[in-house]
Full PDB file with SEQRES, HELIX, SHEET, SSBOND, CRYST1, ORIGX, SCALE, CONECT and MASTER records, all heavy atoms in Angstrom:
SEQRES   1 A   37  MET ASN SER LEU LYS PRO GLU ASP THR GLY VAL TYR TYR          
SEQRES   2 A   37  CYS LYS ALA ASP LEU LEU SER ARG LEU LEU SER ARG GLY          
SEQRES   3 A   37  THR TYR TRP GLY GLN GLY THR GLN VAL THR VAL                  
HELIX    1 AA1 PRO A    6  ASP A    8  5                                   3    
SHEET    1 AA1 2 GLY A  10  TYR A  12  0                                        
SHEET    2 AA1 2 THR A  33  VAL A  35 -1                                        
SHEET    1 AA2 2 LYS A  15  LEU A  19  0                                        
SHEET    2 AA2 2 ARG A  25  TRP A  29 -1                                        
CRYST1    1.000    1.000    1.000  90.00  90.00  90.00 P 1           1          
ORIGX1      1.000000  0.000000  0.000000        0.00000                         
ORIGX2      0.000000  1.000000  0.000000        0.00000                         
ORIGX3      0.000000  0.000000  1.000000        0.00000                         
SCALE1      1.000000  0.000000  0.000000        0.00000                         
SCALE2      0.000000  1.000000  0.000000        0.00000                         
SCALE3      0.000000  0.000000  1.000000        0.00000                         
ATOM      1  N   MET A   1      18.143 -32.790 -14.780  1.00  0.00           N  
ATOM      2  CA  MET A   1      17.904 -31.695 -13.846  1.00  0.00           C  
ATOM      3  C   MET A   1      16.253 -31.379 -14.056  1.00  0.00           C  
ATOM      4  O   MET A   1      15.896 -31.003 -15.018  1.00  0.00           O  
ATOM      5  CB  MET A   1      18.680 -30.426 -14.227  1.00  0.00           C  
ATOM      6  CG  MET A   1      20.193 -30.743 -14.047  1.00  0.00           C  
ATOM      7  SD  MET A   1      21.127 -29.223 -14.355  1.00  0.00           S  
ATOM      8  CE  MET A   1      20.759 -28.835 -16.073  1.00  0.00           C  
ATOM      9  N   ASN A   2      15.543 -31.511 -12.954  1.00  0.00           N  
ATOM     10  CA  ASN A   2      14.206 -31.194 -12.841  1.00  0.00           C  
ATOM     11  C   ASN A   2      13.857 -30.107 -11.904  1.00  0.00           C  
ATOM     12  O   ASN A   2      14.619 -29.879 -11.072  1.00  0.00           O  
ATOM     13  CB  ASN A   2      13.449 -32.502 -12.484  1.00  0.00           C  
ATOM     14  CG  ASN A   2      13.632 -33.661 -13.525  1.00  0.00           C  
ATOM     15  OD1 ASN A   2      13.674 -33.552 -14.697  1.00  0.00           O  
ATOM     16  ND2 ASN A   2      13.436 -34.971 -12.938  1.00  0.00           N  
ATOM     17  N   SER A   3      12.689 -29.546 -11.985  1.00  0.00           N  
ATOM     18  CA  SER A   3      12.278 -28.488 -11.091  1.00  0.00           C  
ATOM     19  C   SER A   3      13.330 -27.424 -11.044  1.00  0.00           C  
ATOM     20  O   SER A   3      13.770 -26.934  -9.970  1.00  0.00           O  
ATOM     21  CB  SER A   3      11.926 -29.018  -9.737  1.00  0.00           C  
ATOM     22  OG  SER A   3      10.945 -30.054  -9.865  1.00  0.00           O  
ATOM     23  N   LEU A   4      13.850 -26.946 -12.123  1.00  0.00           N  
ATOM     24  CA  LEU A   4      14.909 -26.050 -12.183  1.00  0.00           C  
ATOM     25  C   LEU A   4      14.545 -24.633 -11.608  1.00  0.00           C  
ATOM     26  O   LEU A   4      13.399 -24.219 -11.766  1.00  0.00           O  
ATOM     27  CB  LEU A   4      15.417 -25.882 -13.552  1.00  0.00           C  
ATOM     28  CG  LEU A   4      16.360 -27.006 -14.056  1.00  0.00           C  
ATOM     29  CD1 LEU A   4      16.433 -26.925 -15.568  1.00  0.00           C  
ATOM     30  CD2 LEU A   4      17.744 -26.858 -13.449  1.00  0.00           C  
ATOM     31  N   LYS A   5      15.476 -24.034 -10.761  1.00  0.00           N  
ATOM     32  CA  LYS A   5      15.262 -22.722 -10.293  1.00  0.00           C  
ATOM     33  C   LYS A   5      16.275 -21.702 -10.873  1.00  0.00           C  
ATOM     34  O   LYS A   5      17.341 -22.046 -11.375  1.00  0.00           O  
ATOM     35  CB  LYS A   5      15.504 -22.944  -8.740  1.00  0.00           C  
ATOM     36  CG  LYS A   5      14.708 -23.925  -7.990  1.00  0.00           C  
ATOM     37  CD  LYS A   5      15.173 -24.096  -6.575  1.00  0.00           C  
ATOM     38  CE  LYS A   5      14.344 -25.062  -5.823  1.00  0.00           C  
ATOM     39  NZ  LYS A   5      14.865 -25.252  -4.495  1.00  0.00           N  
ATOM     40  N   PRO A   6      16.004 -20.432 -10.766  1.00  0.00           N  
ATOM     41  CA  PRO A   6      16.831 -19.418 -11.296  1.00  0.00           C  
ATOM     42  C   PRO A   6      18.273 -19.502 -10.762  1.00  0.00           C  
ATOM     43  O   PRO A   6      19.274 -19.277 -11.393  1.00  0.00           O  
ATOM     44  CB  PRO A   6      16.165 -18.101 -10.876  1.00  0.00           C  
ATOM     45  CG  PRO A   6      14.769 -18.447 -10.860  1.00  0.00           C  
ATOM     46  CD  PRO A   6      14.724 -19.914 -10.343  1.00  0.00           C  
ATOM     47  N   GLU A   7      18.422 -20.052  -9.444  1.00  0.00           N  
ATOM     48  CA  GLU A   7      19.700 -20.114  -8.807  1.00  0.00           C  
ATOM     49  C   GLU A   7      20.487 -21.232  -9.467  1.00  0.00           C  
ATOM     50  O   GLU A   7      21.709 -21.402  -9.109  1.00  0.00           O  
ATOM     51  CB  GLU A   7      19.685 -20.209  -7.339  1.00  0.00           C  
ATOM     52  CG  GLU A   7      18.586 -21.281  -6.880  1.00  0.00           C  
ATOM     53  CD  GLU A   7      17.257 -20.708  -6.461  1.00  0.00           C  
ATOM     54  OE1 GLU A   7      16.881 -19.790  -7.290  1.00  0.00           O  
ATOM     55  OE2 GLU A   7      16.714 -21.063  -5.480  1.00  0.00           O  
ATOM     56  N   ASP A   8      19.955 -22.135 -10.162  1.00  0.00           N  
ATOM     57  CA  ASP A   8      20.685 -23.125 -10.937  1.00  0.00           C  
ATOM     58  C   ASP A   8      21.425 -22.597 -12.026  1.00  0.00           C  
ATOM     59  O   ASP A   8      22.235 -23.306 -12.683  1.00  0.00           O  
ATOM     60  CB  ASP A   8      19.687 -24.315 -11.367  1.00  0.00           C  
ATOM     61  CG  ASP A   8      19.108 -24.933 -10.183  1.00  0.00           C  
ATOM     62  OD1 ASP A   8      19.742 -25.191  -9.102  1.00  0.00           O  
ATOM     63  OD2 ASP A   8      17.839 -25.485 -10.228  1.00  0.00           O  
ATOM     64  N   THR A   9      21.133 -21.407 -12.493  1.00  0.00           N  
ATOM     65  CA  THR A   9      21.838 -20.770 -13.581  1.00  0.00           C  
ATOM     66  C   THR A   9      23.371 -20.810 -13.456  1.00  0.00           C  
ATOM     67  O   THR A   9      23.817 -20.536 -12.365  1.00  0.00           O  
ATOM     68  CB  THR A   9      21.391 -19.345 -13.808  1.00  0.00           C  
ATOM     69  OG1 THR A   9      19.927 -19.441 -14.336  1.00  0.00           O  
ATOM     70  CG2 THR A   9      22.122 -18.621 -14.895  1.00  0.00           C  
ATOM     71  N   GLY A  10      24.113 -21.048 -14.506  1.00  0.00           N  
ATOM     72  CA  GLY A  10      25.452 -21.075 -14.488  1.00  0.00           C  
ATOM     73  C   GLY A  10      26.135 -22.109 -15.396  1.00  0.00           C  
ATOM     74  O   GLY A  10      25.361 -22.658 -16.301  1.00  0.00           O  
ATOM     75  N   VAL A  11      27.406 -22.238 -15.401  1.00  0.00           N  
ATOM     76  CA  VAL A  11      28.041 -23.194 -16.259  1.00  0.00           C  
ATOM     77  C   VAL A  11      28.261 -24.554 -15.433  1.00  0.00           C  
ATOM     78  O   VAL A  11      28.734 -24.465 -14.216  1.00  0.00           O  
ATOM     79  CB  VAL A  11      29.540 -22.648 -16.604  1.00  0.00           C  
ATOM     80  CG1 VAL A  11      30.191 -23.738 -17.457  1.00  0.00           C  
ATOM     81  CG2 VAL A  11      29.263 -21.372 -17.400  1.00  0.00           C  
ATOM     82  N   TYR A  12      27.898 -25.597 -16.123  1.00  0.00           N  
ATOM     83  CA  TYR A  12      28.065 -26.950 -15.519  1.00  0.00           C  
ATOM     84  C   TYR A  12      29.191 -27.559 -16.213  1.00  0.00           C  
ATOM     85  O   TYR A  12      29.315 -27.712 -17.322  1.00  0.00           O  
ATOM     86  CB  TYR A  12      26.696 -27.685 -15.688  1.00  0.00           C  
ATOM     87  CG  TYR A  12      25.699 -27.264 -14.718  1.00  0.00           C  
ATOM     88  CD1 TYR A  12      24.961 -26.087 -14.992  1.00  0.00           C  
ATOM     89  CD2 TYR A  12      25.410 -28.033 -13.593  1.00  0.00           C  
ATOM     90  CE1 TYR A  12      23.893 -25.668 -14.194  1.00  0.00           C  
ATOM     91  CE2 TYR A  12      24.407 -27.585 -12.724  1.00  0.00           C  
ATOM     92  CZ  TYR A  12      23.680 -26.368 -13.011  1.00  0.00           C  
ATOM     93  OH  TYR A  12      22.804 -25.930 -12.074  1.00  0.00           O  
ATOM     94  N   TYR A  13      30.158 -28.138 -15.241  1.00  0.00           N  
ATOM     95  CA  TYR A  13      31.350 -28.819 -15.729  1.00  0.00           C  
ATOM     96  C   TYR A  13      31.248 -30.300 -15.376  1.00  0.00           C  
ATOM     97  O   TYR A  13      30.870 -30.697 -14.351  1.00  0.00           O  
ATOM     98  CB  TYR A  13      32.511 -28.243 -15.182  1.00  0.00           C  
ATOM     99  CG  TYR A  13      32.734 -26.810 -15.551  1.00  0.00           C  
ATOM    100  CD1 TYR A  13      32.278 -25.771 -14.802  1.00  0.00           C  
ATOM    101  CD2 TYR A  13      33.550 -26.386 -16.584  1.00  0.00           C  
ATOM    102  CE1 TYR A  13      32.485 -24.423 -15.116  1.00  0.00           C  
ATOM    103  CE2 TYR A  13      33.860 -25.160 -16.904  1.00  0.00           C  
ATOM    104  CZ  TYR A  13      33.322 -24.015 -16.126  1.00  0.00           C  
ATOM    105  OH  TYR A  13      33.577 -22.780 -16.583  1.00  0.00           O  
ATOM    106  N   CYS A  14      31.706 -31.069 -16.360  1.00  0.00           N  
ATOM    107  CA  CYS A  14      31.890 -32.546 -16.133  1.00  0.00           C  
ATOM    108  C   CYS A  14      33.216 -32.766 -15.584  1.00  0.00           C  
ATOM    109  O   CYS A  14      34.275 -32.233 -16.013  1.00  0.00           O  
ATOM    110  CB  CYS A  14      31.617 -33.288 -17.424  1.00  0.00           C  
ATOM    111  SG  CYS A  14      31.968 -35.080 -17.395  1.00  0.00           S  
ATOM    112  N   LYS A  15      33.438 -33.695 -14.574  1.00  0.00           N  
ATOM    113  CA  LYS A  15      34.867 -34.022 -14.120  1.00  0.00           C  
ATOM    114  C   LYS A  15      34.959 -35.528 -14.028  1.00  0.00           C  
ATOM    115  O   LYS A  15      33.970 -36.307 -13.744  1.00  0.00           O  
ATOM    116  CB  LYS A  15      34.997 -33.496 -12.737  1.00  0.00           C  
ATOM    117  CG  LYS A  15      36.356 -33.844 -12.146  1.00  0.00           C  
ATOM    118  CD  LYS A  15      36.556 -33.274 -10.724  1.00  0.00           C  
ATOM    119  CE  LYS A  15      35.747 -34.195  -9.703  1.00  0.00           C  
ATOM    120  NZ  LYS A  15      36.527 -35.493  -9.566  1.00  0.00           N  
ATOM    121  N   ALA A  16      36.185 -36.022 -14.437  1.00  0.00           N  
ATOM    122  CA  ALA A  16      36.385 -37.557 -14.419  1.00  0.00           C  
ATOM    123  C   ALA A  16      37.693 -37.720 -13.808  1.00  0.00           C  
ATOM    124  O   ALA A  16      38.745 -37.223 -14.182  1.00  0.00           O  
ATOM    125  CB  ALA A  16      36.235 -38.108 -15.768  1.00  0.00           C  
ATOM    126  N   ASP A  17      37.736 -38.714 -12.839  1.00  0.00           N  
ATOM    127  CA  ASP A  17      39.083 -39.298 -12.433  1.00  0.00           C  
ATOM    128  C   ASP A  17      39.180 -40.578 -13.127  1.00  0.00           C  
ATOM    129  O   ASP A  17      38.325 -41.373 -13.144  1.00  0.00           O  
ATOM    130  CB  ASP A  17      38.919 -39.540 -10.866  1.00  0.00           C  
ATOM    131  CG  ASP A  17      38.719 -38.258 -10.039  1.00  0.00           C  
ATOM    132  OD1 ASP A  17      39.200 -37.194 -10.499  1.00  0.00           O  
ATOM    133  OD2 ASP A  17      38.065 -38.385  -9.045  1.00  0.00           O  
ATOM    134  N   LEU A  18      40.338 -40.727 -13.758  1.00  0.00           N  
ATOM    135  CA  LEU A  18      40.565 -41.899 -14.656  1.00  0.00           C  
ATOM    136  C   LEU A  18      42.060 -42.467 -14.628  1.00  0.00           C  
ATOM    137  O   LEU A  18      42.908 -41.707 -14.149  1.00  0.00           O  
ATOM    138  CB  LEU A  18      40.146 -41.596 -15.964  1.00  0.00           C  
ATOM    139  CG  LEU A  18      40.699 -40.467 -16.718  1.00  0.00           C  
ATOM    140  CD1 LEU A  18      42.040 -40.874 -17.354  1.00  0.00           C  
ATOM    141  CD2 LEU A  18      39.837 -39.903 -17.784  1.00  0.00           C  
ATOM    142  N   LEU A  19      42.192 -43.663 -15.188  1.00  0.00           N  
ATOM    143  CA  LEU A  19      43.466 -44.174 -15.403  1.00  0.00           C  
ATOM    144  C   LEU A  19      43.595 -44.304 -16.901  1.00  0.00           C  
ATOM    145  O   LEU A  19      42.774 -44.868 -17.583  1.00  0.00           O  
ATOM    146  CB  LEU A  19      43.594 -45.608 -14.795  1.00  0.00           C  
ATOM    147  CG  LEU A  19      44.801 -46.301 -14.958  1.00  0.00           C  
ATOM    148  CD1 LEU A  19      45.990 -45.588 -14.176  1.00  0.00           C  
ATOM    149  CD2 LEU A  19      44.741 -47.779 -14.353  1.00  0.00           C  
ATOM    150  N   SER A  20      44.609 -43.672 -17.379  1.00  0.00           N  
ATOM    151  CA  SER A  20      44.925 -43.662 -18.768  1.00  0.00           C  
ATOM    152  C   SER A  20      45.619 -44.925 -19.262  1.00  0.00           C  
ATOM    153  O   SER A  20      46.101 -45.709 -18.473  1.00  0.00           O  
ATOM    154  CB  SER A  20      45.730 -42.491 -19.239  1.00  0.00           C  
ATOM    155  OG  SER A  20      47.101 -42.650 -18.897  1.00  0.00           O  
ATOM    156  N   ARG A  21      45.632 -45.139 -20.588  1.00  0.00           N  
ATOM    157  CA  ARG A  21      46.338 -46.313 -21.161  1.00  0.00           C  
ATOM    158  C   ARG A  21      47.753 -46.337 -20.943  1.00  0.00           C  
ATOM    159  O   ARG A  21      48.508 -47.286 -21.191  1.00  0.00           O  
ATOM    160  CB  ARG A  21      45.852 -46.611 -22.496  1.00  0.00           C  
ATOM    161  CG  ARG A  21      44.440 -46.915 -22.696  1.00  0.00           C  
ATOM    162  CD  ARG A  21      44.257 -47.632 -24.078  1.00  0.00           C  
ATOM    163  NE  ARG A  21      42.837 -48.241 -24.073  1.00  0.00           N  
ATOM    164  CZ  ARG A  21      41.856 -47.721 -24.789  1.00  0.00           C  
ATOM    165  NH1 ARG A  21      41.985 -46.642 -25.541  1.00  0.00           N  
ATOM    166  NH2 ARG A  21      40.636 -48.359 -24.809  1.00  0.00           N  
ATOM    167  N   LEU A  22      48.232 -45.103 -20.609  1.00  0.00           N  
ATOM    168  CA  LEU A  22      49.686 -44.883 -20.214  1.00  0.00           C  
ATOM    169  C   LEU A  22      49.936 -45.232 -18.673  1.00  0.00           C  
ATOM    170  O   LEU A  22      51.113 -44.868 -18.213  1.00  0.00           O  
ATOM    171  CB  LEU A  22      50.217 -43.486 -20.555  1.00  0.00           C  
ATOM    172  CG  LEU A  22      50.097 -43.124 -21.992  1.00  0.00           C  
ATOM    173  CD1 LEU A  22      50.526 -41.663 -22.223  1.00  0.00           C  
ATOM    174  CD2 LEU A  22      50.955 -43.993 -22.929  1.00  0.00           C  
ATOM    175  N   LEU A  23      48.948 -45.772 -18.085  1.00  0.00           N  
ATOM    176  CA  LEU A  23      49.102 -46.056 -16.659  1.00  0.00           C  
ATOM    177  C   LEU A  23      49.265 -44.847 -15.688  1.00  0.00           C  
ATOM    178  O   LEU A  23      49.933 -45.040 -14.722  1.00  0.00           O  
ATOM    179  CB  LEU A  23      50.036 -47.153 -16.376  1.00  0.00           C  
ATOM    180  CG  LEU A  23      49.883 -48.499 -17.266  1.00  0.00           C  
ATOM    181  CD1 LEU A  23      51.033 -49.337 -16.949  1.00  0.00           C  
ATOM    182  CD2 LEU A  23      48.614 -49.039 -17.025  1.00  0.00           C  
ATOM    183  N   SER A  24      48.627 -43.649 -16.067  1.00  0.00           N  
ATOM    184  CA  SER A  24      48.760 -42.517 -15.212  1.00  0.00           C  
ATOM    185  C   SER A  24      47.479 -42.137 -14.754  1.00  0.00           C  
ATOM    186  O   SER A  24      46.474 -42.187 -15.542  1.00  0.00           O  
ATOM    187  CB  SER A  24      49.491 -41.388 -16.020  1.00  0.00           C  
ATOM    188  OG  SER A  24      48.680 -41.024 -17.107  1.00  0.00           O  
ATOM    189  N   ARG A  25      47.268 -41.808 -13.613  1.00  0.00           N  
ATOM    190  CA  ARG A  25      46.065 -41.316 -12.958  1.00  0.00           C  
ATOM    191  C   ARG A  25      45.923 -39.711 -13.069  1.00  0.00           C  
ATOM    192  O   ARG A  25      46.908 -39.089 -12.943  1.00  0.00           O  
ATOM    193  CB  ARG A  25      45.808 -41.833 -11.601  1.00  0.00           C  
ATOM    194  CG  ARG A  25      45.680 -43.290 -11.379  1.00  0.00           C  
ATOM    195  CD  ARG A  25      45.534 -43.633  -9.993  1.00  0.00           C  
ATOM    196  NE  ARG A  25      45.120 -45.043  -9.787  1.00  0.00           N  
ATOM    197  CZ  ARG A  25      44.866 -45.671  -8.642  1.00  0.00           C  
ATOM    198  NH1 ARG A  25      44.839 -44.966  -7.580  1.00  0.00           N  
ATOM    199  NH2 ARG A  25      44.687 -46.962  -8.609  1.00  0.00           N  
ATOM    200  N   GLY A  26      44.682 -39.313 -13.274  1.00  0.00           N  
ATOM    201  CA  GLY A  26      44.523 -37.904 -13.358  1.00  0.00           C  
ATOM    202  C   GLY A  26      43.147 -37.480 -13.278  1.00  0.00           C  
ATOM    203  O   GLY A  26      42.175 -38.267 -13.496  1.00  0.00           O  
ATOM    204  N   THR A  27      42.875 -36.121 -13.118  1.00  0.00           N  
ATOM    205  CA  THR A  27      41.506 -35.623 -13.117  1.00  0.00           C  
ATOM    206  C   THR A  27      41.345 -34.726 -14.359  1.00  0.00           C  
ATOM    207  O   THR A  27      42.278 -33.850 -14.696  1.00  0.00           O  
ATOM    208  CB  THR A  27      41.295 -34.814 -11.906  1.00  0.00           C  
ATOM    209  OG1 THR A  27      41.355 -35.662 -10.733  1.00  0.00           O  
ATOM    210  CG2 THR A  27      40.001 -34.147 -11.861  1.00  0.00           C  
ATOM    211  N   TYR A  28      40.317 -34.931 -14.960  1.00  0.00           N  
ATOM    212  CA  TYR A  28      39.997 -34.107 -16.310  1.00  0.00           C  
ATOM    213  C   TYR A  28      38.711 -33.492 -16.162  1.00  0.00           C  
ATOM    214  O   TYR A  28      37.755 -33.930 -15.606  1.00  0.00           O  
ATOM    215  CB  TYR A  28      40.024 -35.106 -17.485  1.00  0.00           C  
ATOM    216  CG  TYR A  28      41.420 -35.782 -17.813  1.00  0.00           C  
ATOM    217  CD1 TYR A  28      41.708 -36.833 -17.137  1.00  0.00           C  
ATOM    218  CD2 TYR A  28      42.297 -35.141 -18.808  1.00  0.00           C  
ATOM    219  CE1 TYR A  28      43.053 -37.379 -17.295  1.00  0.00           C  
ATOM    220  CE2 TYR A  28      43.436 -35.756 -19.028  1.00  0.00           C  
ATOM    221  CZ  TYR A  28      43.831 -36.831 -18.361  1.00  0.00           C  
ATOM    222  OH  TYR A  28      45.064 -37.441 -18.518  1.00  0.00           O  
ATOM    223  N   TRP A  29      38.706 -32.255 -16.835  1.00  0.00           N  
ATOM    224  CA  TRP A  29      37.511 -31.431 -16.822  1.00  0.00           C  
ATOM    225  C   TRP A  29      37.146 -31.192 -18.219  1.00  0.00           C  
ATOM    226  O   TRP A  29      37.865 -30.957 -19.195  1.00  0.00           O  
ATOM    227  CB  TRP A  29      37.760 -30.044 -16.211  1.00  0.00           C  
ATOM    228  CG  TRP A  29      38.123 -30.167 -14.676  1.00  0.00           C  
ATOM    229  CD1 TRP A  29      39.284 -30.405 -14.214  1.00  0.00           C  
ATOM    230  CD2 TRP A  29      37.198 -30.069 -13.739  1.00  0.00           C  
ATOM    231  NE1 TRP A  29      39.148 -30.454 -12.688  1.00  0.00           N  
ATOM    232  CE2 TRP A  29      37.848 -30.186 -12.430  1.00  0.00           C  
ATOM    233  CE3 TRP A  29      35.761 -29.780 -13.603  1.00  0.00           C  
ATOM    234  CZ2 TRP A  29      37.140 -30.098 -11.159  1.00  0.00           C  
ATOM    235  CZ3 TRP A  29      35.147 -29.602 -12.413  1.00  0.00           C  
ATOM    236  CH2 TRP A  29      35.844 -29.783 -11.199  1.00  0.00           C  
ATOM    237  N   GLY A  30      35.795 -31.066 -18.399  1.00  0.00           N  
ATOM    238  CA  GLY A  30      35.191 -30.639 -19.745  1.00  0.00           C  
ATOM    239  C   GLY A  30      35.258 -29.108 -19.872  1.00  0.00           C  
ATOM    240  O   GLY A  30      35.618 -28.455 -18.874  1.00  0.00           O  
ATOM    241  N   GLN A  31      34.799 -28.553 -20.940  1.00  0.00           N  
ATOM    242  CA  GLN A  31      34.865 -27.224 -21.241  1.00  0.00           C  
ATOM    243  C   GLN A  31      33.613 -26.465 -20.508  1.00  0.00           C  
ATOM    244  O   GLN A  31      33.692 -25.206 -20.381  1.00  0.00           O  
ATOM    245  CB  GLN A  31      34.790 -26.942 -22.750  1.00  0.00           C  
ATOM    246  CG  GLN A  31      36.034 -27.446 -23.543  1.00  0.00           C  
ATOM    247  CD  GLN A  31      37.098 -26.389 -23.435  1.00  0.00           C  
ATOM    248  OE1 GLN A  31      37.843 -26.294 -22.412  1.00  0.00           O  
ATOM    249  NE2 GLN A  31      37.304 -25.602 -24.500  1.00  0.00           N  
ATOM    250  N   GLY A  32      32.656 -27.191 -20.288  1.00  0.00           N  
ATOM    251  CA  GLY A  32      31.485 -26.561 -19.529  1.00  0.00           C  
ATOM    252  C   GLY A  32      30.304 -26.318 -20.491  1.00  0.00           C  
ATOM    253  O   GLY A  32      30.562 -26.126 -21.772  1.00  0.00           O  
ATOM    254  N   THR A  33      29.051 -26.384 -20.097  1.00  0.00           N  
ATOM    255  CA  THR A  33      27.869 -26.043 -20.871  1.00  0.00           C  
ATOM    256  C   THR A  33      27.044 -25.109 -20.075  1.00  0.00           C  
ATOM    257  O   THR A  33      26.876 -25.305 -18.784  1.00  0.00           O  
ATOM    258  CB  THR A  33      27.149 -27.375 -21.168  1.00  0.00           C  
ATOM    259  OG1 THR A  33      26.124 -26.980 -22.052  1.00  0.00           O  
ATOM    260  CG2 THR A  33      26.626 -28.106 -19.985  1.00  0.00           C  
ATOM    261  N   GLN A  34      26.554 -24.088 -20.675  1.00  0.00           N  
ATOM    262  CA  GLN A  34      25.775 -23.040 -20.033  1.00  0.00           C  
ATOM    263  C   GLN A  34      24.341 -23.444 -19.778  1.00  0.00           C  
ATOM    264  O   GLN A  34      23.626 -23.931 -20.700  1.00  0.00           O  
ATOM    265  CB  GLN A  34      25.748 -21.758 -20.858  1.00  0.00           C  
ATOM    266  CG  GLN A  34      24.922 -20.604 -20.369  1.00  0.00           C  
ATOM    267  CD  GLN A  34      25.566 -20.002 -19.052  1.00  0.00           C  
ATOM    268  OE1 GLN A  34      26.702 -19.852 -18.800  1.00  0.00           O  
ATOM    269  NE2 GLN A  34      24.591 -19.727 -18.042  1.00  0.00           N  
ATOM    270  N   VAL A  35      23.782 -23.185 -18.566  1.00  0.00           N  
ATOM    271  CA  VAL A  35      22.433 -23.443 -18.259  1.00  0.00           C  
ATOM    272  C   VAL A  35      21.854 -22.202 -17.778  1.00  0.00           C  
ATOM    273  O   VAL A  35      22.376 -21.541 -16.729  1.00  0.00           O  
ATOM    274  CB  VAL A  35      22.268 -24.608 -17.163  1.00  0.00           C  
ATOM    275  CG1 VAL A  35      20.797 -24.628 -16.710  1.00  0.00           C  
ATOM    276  CG2 VAL A  35      22.651 -25.916 -17.760  1.00  0.00           C  
ATOM    277  N   THR A  36      20.800 -21.680 -18.324  1.00  0.00           N  
ATOM    278  CA  THR A  36      20.118 -20.344 -17.876  1.00  0.00           C  
ATOM    279  C   THR A  36      18.660 -20.696 -17.597  1.00  0.00           C  
ATOM    280  O   THR A  36      17.931 -21.356 -18.396  1.00  0.00           O  
ATOM    281  CB  THR A  36      20.228 -19.416 -18.988  1.00  0.00           C  
ATOM    282  OG1 THR A  36      21.605 -19.154 -19.342  1.00  0.00           O  
ATOM    283  CG2 THR A  36      19.581 -18.081 -18.447  1.00  0.00           C  
ATOM    284  N   VAL A  37      18.216 -20.376 -16.317  1.00  0.00           N  
ATOM    285  CA  VAL A  37      16.866 -20.635 -15.920  1.00  0.00           C  
ATOM    286  C   VAL A  37      16.299 -19.333 -15.666  1.00  0.00           C  
ATOM    287  O   VAL A  37      16.704 -18.610 -14.781  1.00  0.00           O  
ATOM    288  CB  VAL A  37      16.894 -21.480 -14.656  1.00  0.00           C  
ATOM    289  CG1 VAL A  37      15.449 -21.736 -14.198  1.00  0.00           C  
ATOM    290  CG2 VAL A  37      17.578 -22.822 -14.766  1.00  0.00           C  
TER     291      VAL A  37                                                      
MASTER        0    0    0    1    4    0    0    6  290    1    0    3          
END                                                                             
């Protein structure tokens, strides 16, 4: 993230669509990380 602006402030979450070793598909989310500009 470059040239950050105050409106970029907030929590950023990672999301992944994946296939597990149990052969099931799903969407997973991280806990989030705070960014304050």
